[in-house]
Amino acid sequence: MTTKEEYRVELRKIRFDPAMLRRIVNYGLPSGLQNSVIGLANVVVQANINVFGTMAVAGCGAYGKLEGFAFLPITSFTIALTTFVGQNLGAGQHERAKRGAAFGVVVCLVAAELMGLLLYLAAPLLIGLFTSEPEAIAFGVGKSRICSLFFFLLAASHSLAAVLRGAGKAVIPMISMLSFWCVIRVSFLKIAVPIFHSIDVVNWVYPLTWCLSTIFLAVYTVKADWVHAFEKEKV
């Protein structure tokens, strides 16, 4: 506030830029809404796990910690993808954005599957780091052996969604995640768990909904002209 340089802060000049605020809300609100609703859907999933007892809760909880740790590199990469695509499209570098997006998606898929394979093979040892109960370990290993080999689908959904967000198409990933990771996931559990009464039903709902959202996002990414989204918005 006291400097005379260009970066001086003048309180009387601080105000919202209406056009920029509108764009920030348009891009940010769908992602925030999506994450909030998915959080509520996960509560329903957890309730279905609770039905199978404390050992199931402990085992699946241990697996959840491992999955979160294993997927951290992919999460970081998808954040970078959104930034890269947005900056390049904003600068008019369409081909560079397309090549970078394709490379980023492939790297995400390969890295996720390598992490999933490691988790699949080392599941008993890794789950055992969190609990010594054989039954809990069995539940955790069971979930790991079903979900971990399909990490490439989870990575595909996240990376494709990141590309579309970078292109200003934040509503499309929101529609995909809310439809498949919330509505279909919860509906499937409500119908299938009472019928089969098996925790494998709960475990399989993840790869199923990952697959559906990946197909939806992949088709949209291929068919839609997301590369020129910013130019169309200006028109």
Protein backbone atom coordinates (compact mmCIF):
# COMPACT_ATOMS: atom_id res chain seq x y z
CA MET A 1 0.00 0.00 0.00
CA THR A 2 2.94 2.34 0.58
CA THR A 3 5.08 1.49 -2.46
CA LYS A 4 5.08 3.57 -5.62
CA GLU A 5 5.60 0.54 -7.89
CA GLU A 6 3.03 -1.00 -10.29
CA TYR A 7 1.90 -3.57 -7.73
CA ARG A 8 0.70 -0.93 -5.26
CA VAL A 9 -2.61 -1.76 -3.57
CA GLU A 10 -5.20 1.03 -3.54
CA LEU A 11 -8.18 0.13 -1.37
CA ARG A 12 -10.61 2.45 -3.15
CA LYS A 13 -9.93 0.64 -6.43
CA ILE A 14 -10.66 -2.85 -5.10
CA ARG A 15 -13.94 -4.09 -6.57
CA PHE A 16 -15.45 -7.07 -8.38
CA ASP A 17 -15.08 -7.25 -12.13
CA PRO A 18 -18.63 -8.35 -13.13
CA ALA A 19 -17.59 -10.12 -16.35
CA MET A 20 -14.70 -11.96 -14.71
CA LEU A 21 -16.79 -12.87 -11.64
CA ARG A 22 -19.47 -14.33 -13.90
CA ARG A 23 -16.91 -16.49 -15.72
CA ILE A 24 -15.36 -17.68 -12.47
CA VAL A 25 -18.77 -18.69 -11.11
CA ASN A 26 -19.73 -20.38 -14.40
CA TYR A 27 -16.56 -22.49 -14.35
CA GLY A 28 -16.25 -23.06 -10.61
CA LEU A 29 -19.81 -23.60 -9.42
CA PRO A 30 -20.44 -26.84 -11.40
CA SER A 31 -17.30 -28.45 -9.93
CA GLY A 32 -18.22 -27.37 -6.41
CA LEU A 33 -21.78 -28.65 -6.78
CA GLN A 34 -20.52 -31.91 -8.26
CA ASN A 35 -18.10 -32.58 -5.38
CA SER A 36 -20.74 -31.75 -2.78
CA VAL A 37 -23.36 -34.12 -4.22
CA ILE A 38 -20.80 -36.90 -4.75
CA GLY A 39 -19.91 -36.52 -1.07
CA LEU A 40 -23.56 -37.13 -0.17
CA ALA A 41 -23.69 -40.15 -2.50
CA ASN A 42 -20.63 -41.59 -0.75
CA VAL A 43 -22.55 -41.41 2.52
CA VAL A 44 -25.15 -43.74 0.97
CA VAL A 45 -22.38 -46.08 -0.21
CA GLN A 46 -20.87 -46.11 3.28
CA ALA A 47 -24.27 -46.92 4.76
CA ASN A 48 -24.42 -49.99 2.54
CA ILE A 49 -20.96 -51.05 3.72
CA ASN A 50 -21.99 -50.60 7.36
CA VAL A 51 -24.68 -53.26 6.89
CA PHE A 52 -21.94 -55.92 6.70
CA GLY A 53 -20.50 -55.15 10.14
CA THR A 54 -17.53 -53.50 11.79
CA MET A 55 -14.95 -55.71 10.07
CA ALA A 56 -16.27 -54.64 6.67
CA VAL A 57 -16.11 -50.99 7.74
CA ALA A 58 -12.53 -51.41 8.96
CA GLY A 59 -11.35 -53.31 5.89
CA CYS A 60 -12.99 -51.01 3.36
CA GLY A 61 -11.80 -47.98 5.33
CA ALA A 62 -8.21 -49.25 5.12
CA TYR A 63 -8.59 -49.77 1.39
CA GLY A 64 -9.99 -46.25 1.02
CA LYS A 65 -6.86 -44.77 2.61
CA LEU A 66 -4.66 -46.75 0.23
CA GLU A 67 -6.73 -45.74 -2.79
CA GLY A 68 -6.56 -42.08 -1.83
CA PHE A 69 -2.79 -42.28 -1.47
CA ALA A 70 -2.32 -44.23 -4.70
CA PHE A 71 -4.44 -41.77 -6.67
CA LEU A 72 -2.76 -38.57 -5.44
CA PRO A 73 -0.36 -38.38 -8.44
CA ILE A 74 -3.30 -38.72 -10.84
CA THR A 75 -5.22 -35.99 -9.03
CA SER A 76 -2.22 -33.67 -9.30
CA PHE A 77 -1.83 -34.47 -12.99
CA THR A 78 -5.48 -33.72 -13.75
CA ILE A 79 -5.17 -30.32 -12.05
CA ALA A 80 -2.18 -29.63 -14.30
CA LEU A 81 -4.20 -30.78 -17.32
CA THR A 82 -6.95 -28.25 -16.64
CA THR A 83 -4.41 -25.45 -16.33
CA PHE A 84 -2.46 -26.51 -19.43
CA VAL A 85 -5.53 -26.82 -21.65
CA GLY A 86 -7.02 -23.54 -20.43
CA GLN A 87 -3.82 -21.57 -20.92
CA ASN A 88 -3.16 -22.94 -24.40
CA LEU A 89 -6.72 -22.49 -25.63
CA GLY A 90 -6.72 -18.99 -24.20
CA ALA A 91 -3.55 -18.26 -26.19
CA GLY A 92 -5.05 -19.73 -29.35
CA GLN A 93 -2.68 -22.72 -29.36
CA HIS A 94 -5.34 -25.24 -30.36
CA GLU A 95 -3.10 -27.99 -31.68
CA ARG A 96 -0.79 -27.76 -28.70
CA ALA A 97 -3.79 -28.03 -26.38
CA LYS A 98 -5.03 -31.13 -28.23
CA ARG A 99 -1.63 -32.83 -28.19
CA GLY A 100 -1.07 -32.00 -24.54
CA ALA A 101 -4.54 -33.22 -23.59
CA ALA A 102 -4.02 -36.52 -25.41
CA PHE A 103 -0.61 -37.02 -23.81
CA GLY A 104 -1.93 -36.13 -20.36
CA VAL A 105 -4.86 -38.55 -20.59
CA VAL A 106 -2.57 -41.41 -21.71
CA VAL A 107 -0.07 -40.73 -18.92
CA CYS A 108 -2.89 -40.64 -16.36
CA LEU A 109 -4.25 -43.98 -17.56
CA VAL A 110 -0.85 -45.70 -17.55
CA ALA A 111 0.18 -44.29 -14.15
CA ALA A 112 -3.17 -45.18 -12.58
CA GLU A 113 -3.07 -48.75 -13.88
CA LEU A 114 0.48 -49.25 -12.62
CA MET A 115 -0.59 -48.04 -9.17
CA GLY A 116 -3.65 -50.27 -9.36
CA LEU A 117 -1.57 -53.30 -10.28
CA LEU A 118 0.77 -52.64 -7.36
CA LEU A 119 -2.17 -52.32 -5.00
CA TYR A 120 -3.73 -55.51 -6.39
CA LEU A 121 -0.57 -57.56 -5.85
CA ALA A 122 0.37 -56.12 -2.47
CA ALA A 123 -3.15 -55.77 -1.07
CA PRO A 124 -2.81 -58.23 1.87
CA LEU A 125 0.42 -56.61 3.03
CA LEU A 126 -0.80 -53.04 2.58
CA ILE A 127 -4.21 -53.58 4.19
CA GLY A 128 -2.40 -55.30 7.06
CA LEU A 129 -0.61 -52.04 7.84
CA PHE A 130 -3.93 -50.61 9.07
CA THR A 131 -5.50 -53.58 10.85
CA SER A 132 -4.43 -56.94 12.24
CA GLU A 133 -7.90 -58.51 12.13
CA PRO A 134 -7.95 -61.30 9.50
CA GLU A 135 -11.62 -60.68 8.67
CA ALA A 136 -11.06 -56.95 8.17
CA ILE A 137 -8.02 -57.67 5.99
CA ALA A 138 -10.15 -60.05 3.91
CA PHE A 139 -12.77 -57.36 3.32
CA GLY A 140 -10.09 -54.82 2.36
CA VAL A 141 -8.31 -57.25 0.04
CA GLY A 142 -11.62 -58.21 -1.55
CA LYS A 143 -12.40 -54.59 -2.39
CA SER A 144 -8.86 -54.01 -3.61
CA ARG A 145 -8.95 -57.04 -5.90
CA ILE A 146 -12.18 -55.75 -7.51
CA CYS A 147 -11.46 -52.03 -7.79
CA SER A 148 -7.71 -51.60 -8.24
CA LEU A 149 -7.43 -53.17 -11.70
CA PHE A 150 -10.00 -50.67 -12.97
CA PHE A 151 -8.07 -47.58 -11.87
CA PHE A 152 -7.53 -46.73 -15.54
CA LEU A 153 -11.29 -46.06 -15.82
CA LEU A 154 -11.23 -43.77 -12.82
CA ALA A 155 -8.20 -41.96 -14.26
CA ALA A 156 -9.92 -41.66 -17.63
CA SER A 157 -12.98 -40.03 -16.08
CA HIS A 158 -10.90 -37.57 -14.07
CA SER A 159 -8.50 -36.67 -16.88
CA LEU A 160 -11.20 -36.22 -19.53
CA ALA A 161 -13.19 -34.10 -17.09
CA ALA A 162 -10.05 -32.03 -16.44
CA VAL A 163 -9.59 -31.41 -20.17
CA LEU A 164 -13.19 -30.27 -20.56
CA ARG A 165 -12.97 -27.98 -17.54
CA GLY A 166 -9.84 -26.42 -19.02
CA ALA A 167 -11.83 -25.78 -22.18
CA GLY A 168 -14.56 -24.04 -20.21
CA LYS A 169 -16.98 -26.99 -20.40
CA ALA A 170 -17.34 -27.48 -16.64
CA VAL A 171 -21.05 -28.38 -16.84
CA ILE A 172 -20.40 -31.56 -18.88
CA PRO A 173 -18.22 -33.29 -16.23
CA MET A 174 -20.75 -32.24 -13.61
CA ILE A 175 -23.59 -33.88 -15.54
CA SER A 176 -21.52 -37.03 -16.00
CA MET A 177 -20.45 -37.37 -12.37
CA LEU A 178 -23.87 -36.55 -10.93
CA SER A 179 -25.61 -38.95 -13.30
CA PHE A 180 -23.29 -41.94 -13.02
CA TRP A 181 -21.45 -41.50 -9.71
CA CYS A 182 -24.53 -40.37 -7.81
CA VAL A 183 -27.89 -41.27 -9.34
CA ILE A 184 -26.96 -44.60 -10.97
CA ARG A 185 -24.58 -45.62 -8.17
CA VAL A 186 -27.13 -45.01 -5.42
CA SER A 187 -30.00 -46.54 -7.43
CA PHE A 188 -27.95 -49.64 -8.19
CA LEU A 189 -27.11 -50.15 -4.53
CA LYS A 190 -30.68 -49.60 -3.39
CA ILE A 191 -31.87 -52.33 -5.77
CA ALA A 192 -29.01 -54.84 -5.79
CA VAL A 193 -27.82 -54.98 -2.16
CA PRO A 194 -31.18 -56.19 -0.73
CA ILE A 195 -31.39 -58.80 -3.48
CA PHE A 196 -27.88 -60.28 -3.31
CA HIS A 197 -26.83 -59.13 0.19
CA SER A 198 -23.16 -59.31 -0.78
CA ILE A 199 -20.50 -56.69 -0.21
CA ASP A 200 -19.16 -57.53 -3.67
CA VAL A 201 -22.20 -55.69 -5.04
CA VAL A 202 -21.02 -52.55 -3.25
CA ASN A 203 -17.47 -53.06 -4.51
CA TRP A 204 -18.49 -53.62 -8.14
CA VAL A 205 -20.58 -50.46 -8.27
CA TYR A 206 -17.36 -48.41 -8.47
CA PRO A 207 -15.89 -49.92 -11.68
CA LEU A 208 -19.37 -49.99 -13.20
CA THR A 209 -20.01 -46.28 -12.70
CA TRP A 210 -16.40 -45.38 -13.60
CA CYS A 211 -16.90 -47.20 -16.91
CA LEU A 212 -20.19 -45.45 -17.70
CA SER A 213 -18.84 -41.97 -16.96
CA THR A 214 -15.69 -42.67 -19.00
CA ILE A 215 -17.74 -43.73 -22.02
CA PHE A 216 -19.92 -40.63 -21.76
CA LEU A 217 -16.98 -38.23 -21.41
CA ALA A 218 -14.95 -39.96 -24.13
CA VAL A 219 -17.81 -39.75 -26.64
CA TYR A 220 -18.40 -36.09 -25.82
CA THR A 221 -14.69 -35.23 -26.06
CA VAL A 222 -14.42 -36.89 -29.48
CA LYS A 223 -17.67 -35.52 -30.90
CA ALA A 224 -17.80 -32.01 -29.43
CA ASP A 225 -15.65 -29.11 -30.60
CA TRP A 226 -14.24 -28.32 -27.15
CA VAL A 227 -11.06 -26.89 -28.72
CA HIS A 228 -12.90 -23.76 -29.92
CA ALA A 229 -15.15 -23.40 -26.89
CA PHE A 230 -13.68 -20.05 -25.83
CA GLU A 231 -14.09 -18.51 -29.28
CA LYS A 232 -17.71 -19.65 -29.46
CA GLU A 233 -18.37 -18.20 -26.03
CA LYS A 234 -17.11 -14.79 -27.14
CA VAL A 235 -19.38 -14.88 -30.19
